[in-house]
Amino acid sequence: MASTAGQVIKCKAAVAWEPGKPLVIEEVEVAPPEKMEVRLKILFTSLCHTDVYFWEAKAQDSVFPRILGHEASGIVESVGEGVTELAPGDHVLPVFTGECGDCAHCKSEESNMCNLLRINTERGVMIHDEKSRFSIKGKPVYHFLGTSTFSEYTVVHSGCVAKINPLAPLDKVCVLSCGISTGLGATLNVAKPRKGDSVAIFGLGAVGLAAAEGARLSGASRIIGVDLNSSRFEEAKKFGVTEFVNPKDYDKPVQEVIVEITNGGVDRSVECTGNIKAMVSAFECVHDGWGVAVLVGVPHKDAVFNTHPVNFLNERTLKGTFFGNYKPRSDLPSVVELYMSKKLEVERFITHKVPFSEINKAFELMLKGEGLRCIISME
């Protein structure tokens, strides 16, 4: 790989030319990494709802043409000036958020919200010089979330790259760079259920099932799955969910149902839908005195959280989390080791696989609500 260092690489990328239209496999030119950047050879990537959301561009401004993708695994091809912690050949996970190591957030043991590299959905260029590293016939193609993994090669800030165990299978651990770690960490790092606790999980998509997996790893005695789609329960059982509640089956708020069946409320809850009603329910269903609710889902920008202040005064705790409170470079390698030690079963999240040439099939599957994660093989 070293023979390409410092040179422009021509490769294939799936380009989103306009909102909602199928991606087009194009030959793109990928410039060498600049200061504090690395160029990666992407081997596997997967599709996340965030990619689809910004591809549809229904509710926000989005830059086009653009190379989407942010859940992936690959190998470092070359490094730019100032990069000392990564080298060509390293096995890595690119991440949509980062860890500069120098800001107040990075120095805090409590935060993972790096001032320099935290998620920016609008930026389509690199931080160093505000230029894109992708082009087609001399015209720029824009980045997405600083990762753009729907390309055989991509350029990423070194602070957004986690170096992992070279023995880890890249076609499996690629899913750990976004949604799975978000749900898992929300439970393990933020809700922190104790052995024997009861936990309610709102939303049983990939992130919610990862949160359930975190509850299972914690030794929770009851894991209550809450979802409007009853067909999800059978799949959820594989992730440790012990019982299922569909709010549509009751004529009263689901939080009241949960309080009744748990004799006062669950010890912990994790909300993974972004629906504001579910967020309120997740908070109001935890036990007074010690209950903790964690919000993971991203609500509509105009949503307002309405609950009575007495719910707080009665010693319920409400928390939010970003990327499961994991620092990308420092903490993701340990999540990979959870998989390597067979404590975390990543394979259960992978329901489909397609070659890069059929990447639009992955979008079709997600739009139909079929499966959890679709792995896209770049080779």
Protein backbone atom coordinates (compact mmCIF):
# COMPACT_ATOMS: atom_id res chain seq x y z
CA MET A 1 0.00 0.00 0.00
CA ALA A 2 2.91 2.33 0.65
CA SER A 3 3.48 2.84 -3.12
CA THR A 4 0.34 4.99 -3.28
CA ALA A 5 1.32 7.26 -0.36
CA GLY A 6 1.42 10.90 -1.37
CA GLN A 7 -0.39 10.22 -4.64
CA VAL A 8 -3.95 10.74 -5.78
CA ILE A 9 -5.83 7.41 -5.78
CA LYS A 10 -8.52 6.66 -8.33
CA CYS A 11 -11.18 4.30 -6.99
CA LYS A 12 -14.87 3.53 -6.97
CA ALA A 13 -17.33 5.37 -4.75
CA ALA A 14 -21.11 5.38 -4.43
CA VAL A 15 -22.07 9.00 -5.02
CA ALA A 16 -25.35 10.60 -3.95
CA TRP A 17 -25.95 13.18 -6.68
CA GLU A 18 -29.33 14.38 -5.43
CA PRO A 19 -31.80 13.70 -2.61
CA GLY A 20 -33.57 10.34 -2.63
CA LYS A 21 -32.11 9.15 -5.95
CA PRO A 22 -30.18 5.86 -6.18
CA LEU A 23 -26.46 6.14 -5.51
CA VAL A 24 -24.24 5.92 -8.59
CA ILE A 25 -20.96 4.00 -8.61
CA GLU A 26 -18.42 6.47 -10.00
CA GLU A 27 -14.67 6.69 -10.40
CA VAL A 28 -13.47 9.33 -7.96
CA GLU A 29 -10.09 10.81 -7.20
CA VAL A 30 -9.07 10.71 -3.55
CA ALA A 31 -6.35 13.17 -2.59
CA PRO A 32 -3.55 12.28 -0.14
CA PRO A 33 -4.15 13.06 3.56
CA GLU A 34 -3.19 16.52 4.80
CA LYS A 35 -2.06 17.50 8.31
CA MET A 36 -3.57 15.26 11.04
CA GLU A 37 -5.46 13.18 8.45
CA VAL A 38 -5.27 9.56 7.37
CA ARG A 39 -6.31 7.86 4.15
CA LEU A 40 -8.12 4.56 4.68
CA LYS A 41 -8.85 1.61 2.45
CA ILE A 42 -12.42 0.71 3.37
CA LEU A 43 -13.06 -3.03 3.35
CA PHE A 44 -16.55 -3.25 4.83
CA THR A 45 -19.24 -0.68 5.52
CA SER A 46 -22.84 -0.91 6.71
CA LEU A 47 -25.91 1.25 6.34
CA CYS A 48 -27.31 3.26 9.25
CA HIS A 49 -30.59 5.22 9.44
CA THR A 50 -28.55 8.43 9.58
CA ASP A 51 -27.23 7.78 6.06
CA VAL A 52 -30.78 7.30 4.78
CA TYR A 53 -32.03 10.39 6.63
CA PHE A 54 -29.48 12.69 5.01
CA TRP A 55 -29.80 10.95 1.64
CA GLU A 56 -33.56 11.63 1.66
CA ALA A 57 -32.88 15.23 2.82
CA LYS A 58 -36.54 15.77 3.67
CA ALA A 59 -36.14 17.65 6.94
CA GLN A 60 -32.75 19.33 6.67
CA ASP A 61 -30.36 20.99 4.27
CA SER A 62 -27.93 18.50 2.77
CA VAL A 63 -24.96 19.02 0.50
CA PHE A 64 -24.79 17.25 -2.88
CA PRO A 65 -23.01 15.57 -4.60
CA ARG A 66 -21.88 13.67 -1.54
CA ILE A 67 -20.35 10.36 -0.49
CA LEU A 68 -22.35 9.01 2.43
CA GLY A 69 -21.45 6.22 4.88
CA HIS A 70 -20.07 6.21 8.42
CA GLU A 71 -20.24 2.66 9.85
CA ALA A 72 -17.18 0.87 8.51
CA SER A 73 -13.89 -0.90 8.97
CA GLY A 74 -10.68 -0.72 7.02
CA ILE A 75 -6.92 -0.44 6.92
CA VAL A 76 -4.74 2.67 7.05
CA GLU A 77 -3.20 3.29 3.60
CA SER A 78 -1.18 6.41 4.45
CA VAL A 79 -0.96 9.15 7.09
CA GLY A 80 -0.56 12.89 6.86
CA GLU A 81 1.76 15.29 8.66
CA GLY A 82 1.66 15.13 12.46
CA VAL A 83 -0.04 11.73 12.71
CA THR A 84 1.92 9.60 15.18
CA GLU A 85 -0.61 7.15 16.66
CA LEU A 86 -1.55 5.46 13.39
CA ALA A 87 0.56 3.83 10.68
CA PRO A 88 -0.04 2.19 7.30
CA GLY A 89 -1.44 -1.30 7.76
CA ASP A 90 -3.26 -0.59 11.03
CA HIS A 91 -6.76 -2.08 11.27
CA VAL A 92 -9.23 0.65 12.17
CA LEU A 93 -12.80 1.80 12.62
CA PRO A 94 -13.57 5.31 11.29
CA VAL A 95 -16.04 7.14 13.54
CA PHE A 96 -18.52 9.97 12.87
CA THR A 97 -17.32 11.82 15.96
CA GLY A 98 -13.82 12.23 17.31
CA GLU A 99 -11.35 12.63 20.12
CA CYS A 100 -8.72 15.32 19.68
CA GLY A 101 -7.22 14.56 23.09
CA ASP A 102 -6.60 18.20 23.96
CA CYS A 103 -9.94 19.92 24.63
CA ALA A 104 -11.79 20.09 27.95
CA HIS A 105 -14.20 17.33 26.87
CA CYS A 106 -11.42 14.95 25.87
CA LYS A 107 -9.59 15.59 29.13
CA SER A 108 -12.77 14.96 31.13
CA GLU A 109 -13.43 11.39 32.26
CA GLU A 110 -17.16 12.10 32.00
CA SER A 111 -17.52 13.45 28.45
CA ASN A 112 -16.93 12.22 24.91
CA MET A 113 -18.14 15.38 23.16
CA CYS A 114 -14.87 16.64 21.65
CA ASN A 115 -14.93 20.38 20.91
CA LEU A 116 -12.97 20.01 17.67
CA LEU A 117 -14.34 16.77 16.22
CA ARG A 118 -17.85 16.23 17.53
CA ILE A 119 -20.44 15.28 14.92
CA ASN A 120 -21.18 17.89 12.27
CA THR A 121 -23.83 16.85 9.75
CA GLU A 122 -23.52 20.00 7.62
CA ARG A 123 -19.77 20.06 7.02
CA GLY A 124 -18.86 18.59 3.65
CA VAL A 125 -15.15 19.39 3.76
CA MET A 126 -12.09 18.62 5.89
CA ILE A 127 -11.35 20.78 8.94
CA HIS A 128 -7.70 21.46 8.05
CA ASP A 129 -8.26 23.53 4.89
CA GLU A 130 -12.03 23.44 4.36
CA LYS A 131 -11.60 21.51 1.12
CA SER A 132 -12.86 18.12 -0.03
CA ARG A 133 -10.44 15.26 -0.65
CA PHE A 134 -12.84 13.76 -3.23
CA SER A 135 -13.28 14.93 -6.80
CA ILE A 136 -14.70 13.79 -10.14
CA LYS A 137 -13.13 15.35 -13.23
CA GLY A 138 -11.75 18.18 -11.13
CA LYS A 139 -15.03 19.04 -9.42
CA PRO A 140 -15.42 18.44 -5.66
CA VAL A 141 -17.60 15.71 -4.21
CA TYR A 142 -18.45 16.41 -0.57
CA HIS A 143 -17.75 14.44 2.60
CA PHE A 144 -20.34 13.18 5.08
CA LEU A 145 -19.82 13.09 8.87
CA GLY A 146 -16.08 13.28 8.24
CA THR A 147 -16.05 9.60 7.20
CA SER A 148 -17.63 8.99 3.73
CA THR A 149 -17.19 5.24 3.87
CA PHE A 150 -19.16 4.46 0.69
CA SER A 151 -15.85 4.76 -1.14
CA GLU A 152 -13.02 2.27 -1.60
CA TYR A 153 -10.69 4.91 -0.15
CA THR A 154 -11.53 7.83 2.11
CA VAL A 155 -9.72 10.53 4.07
CA VAL A 156 -10.56 11.01 7.76
CA HIS A 157 -9.20 13.17 10.59
CA SER A 158 -6.87 11.01 12.67
CA GLY A 159 -8.89 11.83 15.80
CA CYS A 160 -11.88 10.05 14.25
CA VAL A 161 -10.08 6.73 13.77
CA ALA A 162 -9.96 3.94 16.35
CA LYS A 163 -7.08 1.48 16.03
CA ILE A 164 -8.32 -2.01 16.85
CA ASN A 165 -7.12 -5.56 17.36
CA PRO A 166 -5.77 -6.77 13.97
CA LEU A 167 -7.27 -10.21 14.64
CA ALA A 168 -10.82 -8.84 14.82
CA PRO A 169 -12.88 -9.78 11.72
CA LEU A 170 -13.49 -6.50 9.92
CA ASP A 171 -16.69 -7.79 8.30
CA LYS A 172 -18.22 -8.12 11.78
CA VAL A 173 -16.79 -5.30 13.90
CA CYS A 174 -17.57 -2.63 11.29
CA VAL A 175 -21.04 -2.32 12.87
CA LEU A 176 -19.46 -1.21 16.16
CA SER A 177 -18.48 2.21 14.83
CA CYS A 178 -21.95 3.74 15.29
CA GLY A 179 -25.35 2.30 16.23
CA ILE A 180 -24.44 -0.84 18.15
CA SER A 181 -21.95 0.98 20.38
CA THR A 182 -24.45 3.81 20.87
CA GLY A 183 -27.10 1.48 22.31
CA LEU A 184 -24.68 -0.75 24.19
CA GLY A 185 -22.91 2.19 25.83
CA ALA A 186 -26.19 3.91 26.74
CA THR A 187 -26.92 0.96 29.00
CA LEU A 188 -23.45 -0.03 30.21
CA ASN A 189 -21.96 3.46 30.62
CA VAL A 190 -24.92 5.71 31.38
CA ALA A 191 -27.91 3.77 32.73
CA LYS A 192 -25.56 1.36 34.55
CA PRO A 193 -28.07 -1.27 35.68
CA ARG A 194 -27.00 -3.53 38.51
CA LYS A 195 -27.28 -7.28 38.51
CA GLY A 196 -30.92 -8.25 39.10
CA ASP A 197 -32.33 -4.87 37.99
CA SER A 198 -35.32 -4.42 35.71
CA VAL A 199 -34.74 -2.46 32.49
CA ALA A 200 -37.19 -1.12 29.90
CA ILE A 201 -35.98 -0.58 26.33
CA PHE A 202 -38.07 1.74 24.16
CA GLY A 203 -37.65 0.94 20.46
CA LEU A 204 -36.37 -2.43 19.27
CA GLY A 205 -34.39 -1.47 16.20
CA ALA A 206 -30.65 -2.10 16.04
CA VAL A 207 -29.80 0.57 18.64
CA GLY A 208 -32.51 -0.58 21.04
CA LEU A 209 -31.47 -4.22 20.72
CA ALA A 210 -27.88 -3.16 21.44
CA ALA A 211 -29.18 -1.42 24.57
CA ALA A 212 -30.96 -4.67 25.50
CA GLU A 213 -27.69 -6.53 24.92
CA GLY A 214 -26.07 -4.12 27.40
CA ALA A 215 -28.78 -4.93 29.94
CA ARG A 216 -28.20 -8.64 29.40
CA LEU A 217 -24.45 -8.22 29.90
CA SER A 218 -25.19 -6.30 33.12
CA GLY A 219 -27.20 -9.20 34.52
CA ALA A 220 -30.62 -7.53 34.44
CA SER A 221 -33.37 -9.89 35.63
CA ARG A 222 -36.17 -8.35 33.55
CA ILE A 223 -35.69 -6.66 30.20
CA ILE A 224 -38.96 -5.20 28.95
CA GLY A 225 -39.08 -4.34 25.25
CA VAL A 226 -41.46 -1.54 24.25
CA ASP A 227 -42.34 -1.17 20.57
CA LEU A 228 -45.34 -0.45 18.36
CA ASN A 229 -44.43 -3.41 16.16
CA SER A 230 -45.25 -6.68 17.91
CA SER A 231 -43.46 -8.72 15.24
CA ARG A 232 -40.14 -7.48 16.66
CA PHE A 233 -40.50 -9.39 19.92
CA GLU A 234 -39.33 -12.78 18.66
CA GLU A 235 -36.11 -11.25 17.35
CA ALA A 236 -35.71 -9.23 20.56
CA LYS A 237 -35.69 -12.42 22.65
CA LYS A 238 -32.31 -13.28 21.11
CA PHE A 239 -30.92 -10.10 22.66
CA GLY A 240 -32.13 -10.84 26.16
CA VAL A 241 -35.56 -9.18 26.10
CA THR A 242 -37.76 -11.16 28.49
CA GLU A 243 -41.15 -9.54 27.92
CA PHE A 244 -42.83 -7.23 25.45
CA VAL A 245 -45.23 -4.31 25.77
CA ASN A 246 -46.97 -2.76 22.77
CA PRO A 247 -48.48 0.62 23.75
CA LYS A 248 -51.23 0.11 21.16
CA ASP A 249 -52.58 -2.81 23.21
CA TYR A 250 -53.61 -0.56 26.12
CA ASP A 251 -56.01 2.30 26.66
CA LYS A 252 -53.73 4.10 29.10
CA PRO A 253 -50.19 5.52 28.85
CA VAL A 254 -47.55 2.82 28.53
CA GLN A 255 -45.62 4.24 31.49
CA GLU A 256 -48.60 3.40 33.72
CA VAL A 257 -48.66 -0.14 32.34
CA ILE A 258 -44.96 -0.62 33.10
CA VAL A 259 -45.29 0.82 36.61
CA GLU A 260 -48.09 -1.67 37.29
CA ILE A 261 -46.33 -4.77 36.01
CA THR A 262 -43.10 -3.91 37.84
CA ASN A 263 -44.66 -2.93 41.17
CA GLY A 264 -43.62 0.72 41.09
CA GLY A 265 -41.50 1.09 37.96
CA VAL A 266 -38.34 -0.25 36.35
CA ASP A 267 -34.92 0.45 37.80
CA ARG A 268 -33.56 1.71 34.46
CA SER A 269 -34.96 2.63 31.06
CA VAL A 270 -33.30 3.43 27.75
CA GLU A 271 -35.19 5.28 25.01
CA CYS A 272 -33.99 4.61 21.43
CA THR A 273 -36.70 6.01 19.15
CA GLY A 274 -36.44 9.81 19.20
CA ASN A 275 -40.22 9.99 19.62
CA ILE A 276 -40.99 12.61 22.25
CA LYS A 277 -43.91 10.62 23.72
CA ALA A 278 -41.63 7.61 24.13
CA MET A 279 -39.05 9.82 25.83
CA VAL A 280 -41.57 11.05 28.39
CA SER A 281 -42.84 7.49 28.92
CA ALA A 282 -39.30 6.20 29.43
CA PHE A 283 -38.74 8.76 32.17
CA GLU A 284 -42.10 8.37 33.88
CA CYS A 285 -41.89 4.56 33.98
CA VAL A 286 -38.78 4.41 36.20
CA HIS A 287 -39.09 3.80 39.93
CA ASP A 288 -39.11 6.76 42.29
CA GLY A 289 -36.16 6.99 44.65
CA TRP A 290 -33.55 5.45 42.33
CA GLY A 291 -34.87 5.07 38.79
CA VAL A 292 -32.70 6.32 35.92
CA ALA A 293 -33.92 7.00 32.37
CA VAL A 294 -31.50 7.52 29.48
CA LEU A 295 -32.43 9.23 26.22
CA VAL A 296 -30.62 8.04 23.08
CA GLY A 297 -32.99 8.88 20.20
CA VAL A 298 -32.79 12.27 18.49
CA PRO A 299 -36.14 14.10 18.61
CA HIS A 300 -37.66 16.51 16.11
CA LYS A 301 -36.05 19.94 16.43
CA ASP A 302 -39.31 21.50 17.69
CA ALA A 303 -40.13 18.75 20.19
CA VAL A 304 -40.68 19.75 23.83
CA PHE A 305 -40.25 17.39 26.80
CA ASN A 306 -43.24 17.79 29.14
CA THR A 307 -43.32 16.12 32.53
CA HIS A 308 -44.28 17.28 36.01
CA PRO A 309 -41.37 18.56 38.15
CA VAL A 310 -42.53 16.28 40.97
CA ASN A 311 -41.22 13.37 38.91
CA PHE A 312 -37.73 14.78 39.47
CA LEU A 313 -38.36 15.75 43.08
CA ASN A 314 -39.30 12.13 43.76
CA GLU A 315 -35.71 11.23 42.90
CA ARG A 316 -36.01 9.97 39.38
CA THR A 317 -33.01 10.79 37.19
CA LEU A 318 -33.11 11.74 33.50
CA LYS A 319 -29.93 11.54 31.43
CA GLY A 320 -28.99 11.97 27.80
CA THR A 321 -26.15 10.28 25.97
CA PHE A 322 -24.16 10.70 22.79
CA PHE A 323 -22.52 7.66 21.15
CA GLY A 324 -23.02 5.68 24.36
CA ASN A 325 -20.54 7.93 26.19
CA TYR A 326 -17.67 6.14 24.40
CA LYS A 327 -14.58 8.15 23.50
CA PRO A 328 -13.86 6.88 19.98
CA ARG A 329 -10.11 6.33 20.09
CA SER A 330 -9.82 5.43 23.78
CA ASP A 331 -12.88 3.25 24.25
CA LEU A 332 -13.89 1.58 20.98
CA PRO A 333 -10.97 -0.87 21.05
CA SER A 334 -12.38 -2.25 24.32
CA VAL A 335 -15.81 -2.72 22.71
CA VAL A 336 -14.13 -4.76 19.97
CA GLU A 337 -12.51 -6.83 22.72
CA LEU A 338 -15.96 -7.53 24.20
CA TYR A 339 -16.73 -9.18 20.88
CA MET A 340 -13.38 -10.97 20.69
CA SER A 341 -13.96 -12.45 24.16
CA LYS A 342 -17.39 -13.69 23.00
CA LYS A 343 -19.26 -11.57 25.55
CA LEU A 344 -20.86 -9.41 22.87
CA GLU A 345 -22.48 -11.26 19.97
CA VAL A 346 -22.22 -8.92 17.00
CA GLU A 347 -23.30 -11.50 14.40
CA ARG A 348 -26.91 -11.32 15.57
CA PHE A 349 -27.12 -7.72 14.37
CA ILE A 350 -25.98 -8.59 10.84
CA THR A 351 -29.01 -9.76 8.86
CA HIS A 352 -28.00 -9.03 5.25
CA LYS A 353 -24.87 -8.77 3.09
CA VAL A 354 -24.46 -7.25 -0.37
CA PRO A 355 -21.51 -6.45 -2.66
CA PHE A 356 -20.59 -2.78 -3.15
CA SER A 357 -22.07 -2.86 -6.66
CA GLU A 358 -25.49 -3.53 -5.09
CA ILE A 359 -25.34 -0.86 -2.38
CA ASN A 360 -28.77 0.46 -3.35
CA LYS A 361 -30.25 -2.88 -2.20
CA ALA A 362 -29.14 -1.98 1.33
CA PHE A 363 -31.16 1.24 1.09
CA GLU A 364 -34.19 -0.68 -0.19
CA LEU A 365 -33.98 -3.12 2.74
CA MET A 366 -33.81 -0.31 5.29
CA LEU A 367 -36.66 1.63 3.70
CA LYS A 368 -38.79 -1.54 3.92
CA GLY A 369 -37.80 -2.00 7.56
CA GLU A 370 -36.24 -5.37 6.83
CA GLY A 371 -33.38 -6.60 8.99
CA LEU A 372 -31.03 -4.82 11.36
CA ARG A 373 -27.69 -4.23 9.67
CA CYS A 374 -26.67 -4.87 6.05
CA ILE A 375 -22.94 -5.35 5.48
CA ILE A 376 -21.60 -3.95 2.21
CA SER A 377 -18.42 -5.65 1.03
CA MET A 378 -16.13 -3.29 -0.87
CA GLU A 379 -14.19 -6.04 -2.64
